[in-house]
Amino acid sequence: MSVWDTVVGQGDALDPLIAAVEGDRAMTHAWLITGPPGSGRSIAARAFAAALQCQSGGCGECHACRTVVAGAHPDVRIVATEKVTITVDEVRSLVSNAQSTPSQGRWRVIIIEDADRMTERTSNVLLKAVEEPPPRTAWILCAPSLHDVATTIRSRCRVVTLRIPSVEVVTGLLVERDGIEPELARECALAAQCHIGVARRLARDPEARSRRERVLALASDVRGVGDAVLAAADLAAVADDDAKSATVERDAAEVAELYVTLGVEPGERLPPALRSQVRQLEEDQKRRATRAKRDVLDRALLDLLSLYRDVAITQTGSSVALINEGHRERIGALASRAAMGDTLAMMDAIGVARERLAGNVAPVLALEAMFLALRPHAA
């Protein structure tokens, strides 16, 4: 199985990457892989890196392919931040690493999976390295769109644009790779709007499906100002719980590992010289938790947006398939209590809430304003 087989539903979008592997004449030293969330940007970047290191162009079976895909190849550096932004110090470390010649492989490859999380100052640090890299160094940046990356960076990269796979492709993947029942697989593919990672989580985790049901129910529950305030608090609490459950064990393990590294017993009083390292770890964990909460909230708002999309489709009488097929009764009820124009205004309100959350507005305030716009009398 080739490494390219892991990148599903892309058709000829991968041709520039494959051509670069097959002949150095098509190779450039800086690449920008763009595509909506769930399109497989990071998977494509790893497949490309593996193919560059592989003597057979990405066989998927050799030591080079397997270590790159696993994130363990010594000449492939992968950065995937779990914080809100990628720091200047992190990029400086990458730039320094990029100057080294490959130790084992054919290329020195640096993958930045979250290039959209670099500030302008951070991008400026990267600029020279991307513009004039050493002969056998390749930079692979990933971002949702061209506009998420500084103009100075993207103008020096060759762009490869991916697309969201079809429902049929994602359904088939869940059935074949994960052994999910076809009906559930299709339901999850639709609910995830063909985001492969989200679809797999929904298909394999009943609690994840339950949390999504809870989010969709909020749309019907909001009938007044009091309901809007409660719904905002409820959704914020769900995001907090999800973020904590995803990070609490890891945080504890990181603290324990740091204490061992510093030669201090757990619970023992730290010498002043070592406290700064613990504080730095705590700050990093807080930033990671902040991003986790934002990601959970954004996913929840996308779920709500999909529900109102179905409401709009119902109101127009279109034959387009619904994303939330199992919620026809709720969709019909929402469609009957608002006009088409009002439904579009509600969808806009959800979009504004997403923008406010991305802009670091207090989550509860952004959610309260959104749910107030979703009340029936706002229609």
Protein backbone atom coordinates (compact mmCIF):
# COMPACT_ATOMS: atom_id res chain seq x y z
CA MET A 1 0.00 0.00 0.00
CA SER A 2 1.46 3.34 -1.09
CA VAL A 3 1.70 6.29 1.33
CA TRP A 4 -0.54 8.18 -1.10
CA ASP A 5 -3.36 5.73 -0.40
CA THR A 6 -3.75 7.29 3.06
CA VAL A 7 -4.84 10.58 1.46
CA VAL A 8 -8.40 9.82 0.40
CA GLY A 9 -10.78 11.53 -1.97
CA GLN A 10 -8.31 13.96 -3.57
CA GLY A 11 -8.11 12.72 -7.17
CA ASP A 12 -5.52 14.65 -9.18
CA ALA A 13 -4.93 17.26 -6.45
CA LEU A 14 -1.88 15.27 -5.35
CA ASP A 15 -0.30 15.22 -8.82
CA PRO A 16 2.15 18.11 -8.14
CA LEU A 17 3.47 16.32 -5.04
CA ILE A 18 3.82 13.00 -6.85
CA ALA A 19 5.57 14.69 -9.78
CA ALA A 20 8.01 16.37 -7.39
CA VAL A 21 8.91 13.01 -5.87
CA GLU A 22 9.37 11.35 -9.26
CA GLY A 23 11.74 13.99 -10.59
CA ASP A 24 13.74 16.77 -8.93
CA ARG A 25 12.96 19.08 -11.85
CA ALA A 26 9.41 19.41 -10.49
CA MET A 27 10.66 19.81 -6.92
CA THR A 28 10.67 23.11 -5.06
CA HIS A 29 11.90 23.73 -1.54
CA ALA A 30 8.77 25.32 -0.07
CA TRP A 31 5.24 23.95 -0.27
CA LEU A 32 1.92 25.16 1.10
CA ILE A 33 -0.84 22.55 1.37
CA THR A 34 -4.25 24.15 1.86
CA GLY A 35 -7.73 22.73 2.29
CA PRO A 36 -10.73 22.89 4.62
CA PRO A 37 -10.56 21.14 8.01
CA GLY A 38 -10.92 17.42 7.41
CA SER A 39 -9.44 17.47 3.92
CA GLY A 40 -6.31 15.66 5.11
CA ARG A 41 -3.67 18.41 4.91
CA SER A 42 -1.46 16.89 7.61
CA ILE A 43 -1.82 13.38 6.20
CA ALA A 44 -0.84 14.65 2.74
CA ALA A 45 2.18 16.45 4.21
CA ARG A 46 3.41 13.29 5.93
CA ALA A 47 2.79 11.21 2.83
CA PHE A 48 4.81 13.69 0.77
CA ALA A 49 7.64 13.66 3.34
CA ALA A 50 7.64 9.86 3.36
CA ALA A 51 7.72 9.70 -0.42
CA LEU A 52 10.67 12.12 -0.51
CA GLN A 53 12.64 9.88 1.86
CA CYS A 54 11.62 6.60 0.22
CA GLN A 55 13.85 5.09 -2.47
CA SER A 56 10.71 3.89 -4.27
CA GLY A 57 8.76 7.14 -4.09
CA GLY A 58 6.45 6.23 -1.22
CA CYS A 59 6.04 2.46 -1.11
CA GLY A 60 4.47 2.62 2.36
CA GLU A 61 6.34 -0.49 3.51
CA CYS A 62 10.00 0.47 3.90
CA HIS A 63 11.62 1.75 7.09
CA ALA A 64 11.71 5.34 5.81
CA CYS A 65 8.00 5.40 4.97
CA ARG A 66 6.94 3.84 8.26
CA THR A 67 9.09 6.10 10.44
CA VAL A 68 7.99 9.29 8.67
CA VAL A 69 4.29 8.43 8.96
CA ALA A 70 4.82 7.56 12.64
CA GLY A 71 6.62 10.86 13.23
CA ALA A 72 9.87 9.14 14.16
CA HIS A 73 12.19 9.81 11.20
CA PRO A 74 15.34 11.71 12.30
CA ASP A 75 15.33 13.93 9.20
CA VAL A 76 11.64 14.88 9.33
CA ARG A 77 10.60 17.48 11.89
CA ILE A 78 6.85 17.82 12.45
CA VAL A 79 5.34 20.76 14.34
CA ALA A 80 1.68 20.58 15.32
CA THR A 81 0.96 23.13 18.01
CA GLU A 82 -1.72 22.51 20.62
CA LYS A 83 -1.55 26.14 21.73
CA VAL A 84 -3.25 29.20 20.28
CA THR A 85 -0.15 30.32 18.37
CA ILE A 86 3.24 29.04 17.27
CA THR A 87 5.91 31.02 19.10
CA VAL A 88 8.91 32.81 17.66
CA ASP A 89 11.26 30.58 19.66
CA GLU A 90 9.69 27.45 18.15
CA VAL A 91 10.22 28.77 14.62
CA ARG A 92 13.79 29.80 15.37
CA SER A 93 14.44 26.23 16.46
CA LEU A 94 13.01 24.98 13.15
CA VAL A 95 15.14 27.40 11.15
CA SER A 96 18.23 26.18 12.97
CA ASN A 97 17.25 22.55 12.37
CA ALA A 98 16.69 23.24 8.66
CA GLN A 99 20.36 24.20 8.21
CA SER A 100 21.54 20.67 9.02
CA THR A 101 22.19 18.22 6.22
CA PRO A 102 20.10 15.01 6.29
CA SER A 103 21.63 12.45 8.66
CA GLN A 104 19.98 9.34 7.20
CA GLY A 105 17.39 10.27 4.60
CA ARG A 106 17.49 11.94 1.21
CA TRP A 107 15.95 15.21 2.45
CA ARG A 108 15.73 17.34 5.57
CA VAL A 109 11.95 17.98 5.80
CA ILE A 110 10.20 20.40 8.15
CA ILE A 111 6.41 20.16 8.35
CA ILE A 112 4.41 22.93 10.05
CA GLU A 113 0.89 21.53 10.35
CA ASP A 114 -0.60 24.74 11.78
CA ALA A 115 1.05 27.46 9.69
CA ASP A 116 -2.09 29.57 10.12
CA ARG A 117 -1.20 29.89 13.82
CA MET A 118 1.94 31.89 13.14
CA THR A 119 1.76 35.61 13.91
CA GLU A 120 3.25 38.14 11.50
CA ARG A 121 6.38 38.45 13.63
CA THR A 122 6.80 34.67 13.67
CA SER A 123 6.31 34.49 9.90
CA ASN A 124 9.06 37.08 9.42
CA VAL A 125 11.48 34.82 11.31
CA LEU A 126 10.63 31.99 8.91
CA LEU A 127 10.78 34.06 5.73
CA LYS A 128 14.51 33.89 4.98
CA ALA A 129 14.68 30.13 5.64
CA VAL A 130 11.80 29.44 3.25
CA GLU A 131 13.19 31.77 0.60
CA GLU A 132 16.74 30.40 0.59
CA PRO A 133 16.88 26.93 2.18
CA PRO A 134 19.92 24.61 1.96
CA PRO A 135 19.97 22.34 -1.15
CA ARG A 136 18.34 19.23 0.38
CA THR A 137 15.86 20.94 2.71
CA ALA A 138 12.10 21.05 2.08
CA TRP A 139 9.52 23.09 3.99
CA ILE A 140 5.90 21.85 3.98
CA LEU A 141 3.36 24.25 5.50
CA CYS A 142 -0.30 23.40 6.08
CA ALA A 143 -3.18 25.87 6.47
CA PRO A 144 -6.93 26.00 5.79
CA SER A 145 -6.54 28.60 3.02
CA LEU A 146 -4.02 30.87 1.33
CA HIS A 147 -5.31 33.87 3.25
CA ASP A 148 -4.45 32.22 6.58
CA VAL A 149 -0.74 32.54 5.80
CA ALA A 150 1.28 35.77 5.53
CA THR A 151 1.56 37.03 1.94
CA THR A 152 5.36 37.05 2.15
CA ILE A 153 5.37 33.33 3.02
CA ARG A 154 2.75 32.06 0.58
CA SER A 155 4.32 33.96 -2.34
CA ARG A 156 7.44 31.84 -1.88
CA CYS A 157 5.62 28.50 -1.71
CA ARG A 158 4.15 26.21 -4.32
CA VAL A 159 0.50 25.71 -3.40
CA VAL A 160 -1.40 22.41 -3.40
CA THR A 161 -5.12 22.72 -2.69
CA LEU A 162 -7.07 19.81 -1.24
CA ARG A 163 -10.83 19.40 -1.01
CA ILE A 164 -13.24 17.76 1.41
CA PRO A 165 -13.83 14.09 0.44
CA SER A 166 -17.35 13.05 -0.59
CA VAL A 167 -19.80 11.41 1.79
CA GLU A 168 -19.40 8.15 -0.09
CA VAL A 169 -15.60 8.21 0.27
CA VAL A 170 -15.72 8.91 4.01
CA THR A 171 -18.44 6.31 4.54
CA GLY A 172 -16.41 3.70 2.68
CA LEU A 173 -13.32 4.57 4.71
CA LEU A 174 -15.15 4.09 8.02
CA VAL A 175 -16.60 0.78 6.86
CA GLU A 176 -13.37 -0.64 5.44
CA ARG A 177 -10.77 0.75 7.85
CA ASP A 178 -12.73 0.91 11.10
CA GLY A 179 -15.33 -1.82 10.65
CA ILE A 180 -18.27 0.55 11.24
CA GLU A 181 -21.74 -0.50 10.15
CA PRO A 182 -22.60 1.19 6.83
CA GLU A 183 -25.70 3.01 8.14
CA LEU A 184 -23.85 4.45 11.15
CA ALA A 185 -20.83 5.24 8.97
CA ARG A 186 -22.94 7.32 6.57
CA GLU A 187 -24.72 9.07 9.43
CA CYS A 188 -21.37 10.03 11.00
CA ALA A 189 -19.88 11.09 7.66
CA LEU A 190 -22.81 13.45 7.14
CA ALA A 191 -22.75 14.75 10.73
CA ALA A 192 -19.03 15.45 10.45
CA GLN A 193 -19.59 17.17 7.09
CA CYS A 194 -16.98 14.79 5.66
CA HIS A 195 -14.27 15.75 8.15
CA ILE A 196 -12.55 12.36 8.36
CA GLY A 197 -11.16 12.79 11.88
CA VAL A 198 -14.48 13.97 13.31
CA ALA A 199 -16.38 11.24 11.47
CA ARG A 200 -14.13 8.55 12.97
CA ARG A 201 -14.54 9.98 16.46
CA LEU A 202 -18.33 10.09 16.13
CA ALA A 203 -18.44 6.57 14.73
CA ARG A 204 -16.23 5.06 17.42
CA ASP A 205 -17.36 7.06 20.47
CA PRO A 206 -21.04 6.93 21.55
CA GLU A 207 -20.38 9.73 24.06
CA ALA A 208 -19.24 12.00 21.25
CA ARG A 209 -22.49 11.33 19.40
CA SER A 210 -24.42 12.01 22.61
CA ARG A 211 -22.67 15.37 23.11
CA ARG A 212 -23.55 16.34 19.55
CA GLU A 213 -27.19 15.45 20.16
CA ARG A 214 -27.11 17.67 23.23
CA VAL A 215 -25.77 20.59 21.21
CA LEU A 216 -28.44 20.25 18.51
CA ALA A 217 -31.16 20.08 21.16
CA LEU A 218 -30.18 23.55 22.36
CA ALA A 219 -31.61 25.06 19.16
CA SER A 220 -35.11 23.88 20.08
CA ASP A 221 -34.77 24.61 23.79
CA VAL A 222 -34.15 28.36 23.43
CA ARG A 223 -37.48 30.19 23.60
CA GLY A 224 -36.65 33.27 25.66
CA VAL A 225 -33.89 35.38 27.17
CA GLY A 226 -33.54 33.08 30.17
CA ASP A 227 -33.22 30.03 27.94
CA ALA A 228 -30.57 31.80 25.87
CA VAL A 229 -28.46 32.57 28.94
CA LEU A 230 -28.79 29.01 30.23
CA ALA A 231 -27.98 27.52 26.82
CA ALA A 232 -24.82 29.64 26.57
CA ALA A 233 -23.69 28.54 30.03
CA ASP A 234 -24.52 24.92 29.20
CA LEU A 235 -22.53 24.94 25.96
CA ALA A 236 -19.57 26.66 27.62
CA ALA A 237 -19.63 24.04 30.39
CA VAL A 238 -19.66 21.20 27.85
CA ALA A 239 -16.61 22.74 26.17
CA ASP A 240 -14.84 23.09 29.51
CA ASP A 241 -15.55 19.48 30.41
CA ASP A 242 -14.38 18.22 27.01
CA ALA A 243 -11.19 20.26 27.16
CA LYS A 244 -10.39 19.07 30.68
CA SER A 245 -11.10 15.43 29.89
CA ALA A 246 -8.81 15.65 26.88
CA THR A 247 -5.92 17.25 28.78
CA VAL A 248 -6.07 16.43 32.50
CA GLU A 249 -4.31 13.06 32.33
CA ARG A 250 -1.70 14.35 29.94
CA ASP A 251 -1.08 17.43 32.09
CA ALA A 252 -0.51 15.29 35.16
CA ALA A 253 1.86 12.98 33.26
CA GLU A 254 3.86 15.96 31.95
CA VAL A 255 4.23 17.42 35.44
CA ALA A 256 5.34 14.06 36.84
CA GLU A 257 7.85 13.62 34.01
CA LEU A 258 9.25 17.12 34.59
CA TYR A 259 9.73 16.41 38.30
CA VAL A 260 11.65 13.23 37.43
CA THR A 261 13.80 15.15 34.92
CA LEU A 262 14.56 17.77 37.56
CA GLY A 263 15.38 15.10 40.13
CA VAL A 264 12.62 16.20 42.52
CA GLU A 265 10.14 13.91 44.26
CA PRO A 266 6.41 14.63 43.61
CA GLY A 267 5.09 16.97 46.27
CA GLU A 268 8.58 18.03 47.31
CA ARG A 269 9.24 21.76 47.58
CA LEU A 270 10.99 23.04 44.47
CA PRO A 271 14.19 25.07 44.72
CA PRO A 272 13.73 28.64 43.39
CA ALA A 273 16.01 27.92 40.43
CA LEU A 274 13.65 25.19 39.15
CA ARG A 275 10.31 26.90 39.67
CA SER A 276 10.46 28.80 36.39
CA GLN A 277 10.48 25.53 34.43
CA VAL A 278 7.35 24.33 36.21
CA ARG A 279 5.68 27.69 35.65
CA GLN A 280 6.53 27.52 31.95
CA LEU A 281 4.97 24.06 31.69
CA GLU A 282 1.84 25.29 33.48
CA GLU A 283 1.58 28.23 31.05
CA ASP A 284 1.92 25.91 28.07
CA GLN A 285 -0.79 23.65 29.49
CA LYS A 286 -3.12 26.62 29.99
CA ARG A 287 -2.62 27.68 26.36
CA ARG A 288 -3.29 24.13 25.22
CA ALA A 289 -6.50 24.01 27.28
CA THR A 290 -7.60 27.34 25.80
CA ARG A 291 -7.16 26.05 22.28
CA ALA A 292 -8.91 22.77 23.14
CA LYS A 293 -11.91 24.69 24.47
CA ARG A 294 -12.03 26.92 21.39
CA ASP A 295 -11.88 23.90 19.10
CA VAL A 296 -14.72 22.17 20.97
CA LEU A 297 -16.88 25.29 20.82
CA ASP A 298 -16.16 25.85 17.14
CA ARG A 299 -17.11 22.26 16.36
CA ALA A 300 -20.35 22.70 18.32
CA LEU A 301 -21.19 25.86 16.39
CA LEU A 302 -20.53 24.07 13.11
CA ASP A 303 -22.99 21.40 14.24
CA LEU A 304 -25.61 24.07 14.96
CA LEU A 305 -24.87 25.69 11.62
CA SER A 306 -25.48 22.37 9.88
CA LEU A 307 -28.87 22.12 11.61
CA TYR A 308 -29.97 25.56 10.39
CA ARG A 309 -28.63 24.72 6.94
CA ASP A 310 -31.05 21.79 6.96
CA VAL A 311 -33.82 24.11 8.14
CA ALA A 312 -33.16 26.43 5.19
CA ILE A 313 -33.18 23.50 2.76
CA THR A 314 -36.50 22.33 4.20
CA GLN A 315 -37.98 25.82 3.85
CA THR A 316 -37.01 26.01 0.19
CA GLY A 317 -38.39 22.54 -0.54
CA SER A 318 -35.07 21.48 -2.07
CA SER A 319 -34.29 17.81 -2.65
CA VAL A 320 -30.69 18.25 -1.43
CA ALA A 321 -29.79 15.65 1.20
CA LEU A 322 -29.96 16.74 4.83
CA ILE A 323 -26.86 16.59 7.02
CA ASN A 324 -28.93 15.75 10.10
CA GLU A 325 -31.30 13.21 8.60
CA GLY A 326 -32.16 11.77 12.02
CA HIS A 327 -33.47 15.13 13.22
CA ARG A 328 -36.22 15.68 10.66
CA GLU A 329 -38.82 16.37 13.36
CA ARG A 330 -36.67 19.05 15.01
CA ILE A 331 -35.77 20.54 11.62
CA GLY A 332 -39.43 20.69 10.63
CA ALA A 333 -40.37 22.41 13.90
CA LEU A 334 -37.65 25.03 13.46
CA ALA A 335 -38.63 25.56 9.83
CA SER A 336 -42.26 26.21 10.78
CA ARG A 337 -41.49 28.86 13.36
CA ALA A 338 -39.33 31.14 11.18
CA ALA A 339 -39.26 32.59 7.68
CA MET A 340 -36.43 31.86 5.26
CA GLY A 341 -34.85 35.27 5.79
CA ASP A 342 -34.89 34.78 9.54
CA THR A 343 -33.20 31.39 9.23
CA LEU A 344 -30.41 32.98 7.20
CA ALA A 345 -30.06 35.67 9.89
CA MET A 346 -29.70 32.93 12.50
CA MET A 347 -27.00 31.28 10.43
CA ASP A 348 -25.23 34.64 10.25
CA ALA A 349 -25.45 34.93 14.04
CA ILE A 350 -23.69 31.58 14.42
CA GLY A 351 -20.99 32.74 11.99
CA VAL A 352 -20.49 35.95 13.98
CA ALA A 353 -20.15 33.92 17.18
CA ARG A 354 -17.41 31.82 15.56
CA GLU A 355 -15.56 35.00 14.55
CA ARG A 356 -15.87 36.43 18.05
CA LEU A 357 -14.55 33.26 19.65
CA ALA A 358 -11.62 33.25 17.23
CA GLY A 359 -11.03 36.87 18.24
CA ASN A 360 -10.72 35.87 21.92
CA VAL A 361 -14.08 37.26 23.06
CA ALA A 362 -15.25 35.72 26.36
CA PRO A 363 -17.02 32.49 25.28
CA VAL A 364 -20.12 32.94 27.44
CA LEU A 365 -20.72 36.47 26.12
CA ALA A 366 -20.32 35.39 22.49
CA LEU A 367 -22.63 32.42 23.01
CA GLU A 368 -25.28 34.45 24.84
CA ALA A 369 -25.46 36.94 21.96
CA MET A 370 -25.77 34.06 19.51
CA PHE A 371 -28.54 32.23 21.37
CA LEU A 372 -30.48 35.47 21.80
CA ALA A 373 -30.50 35.72 18.00
CA LEU A 374 -31.79 32.14 17.77
CA ARG A 375 -34.94 32.82 19.84
CA PRO A 376 -38.26 32.35 18.03
CA HIS A 377 -39.34 35.95 18.51
CA ALA A 378 -36.05 37.07 16.91
CA ALA A 379 -37.31 35.37 13.80
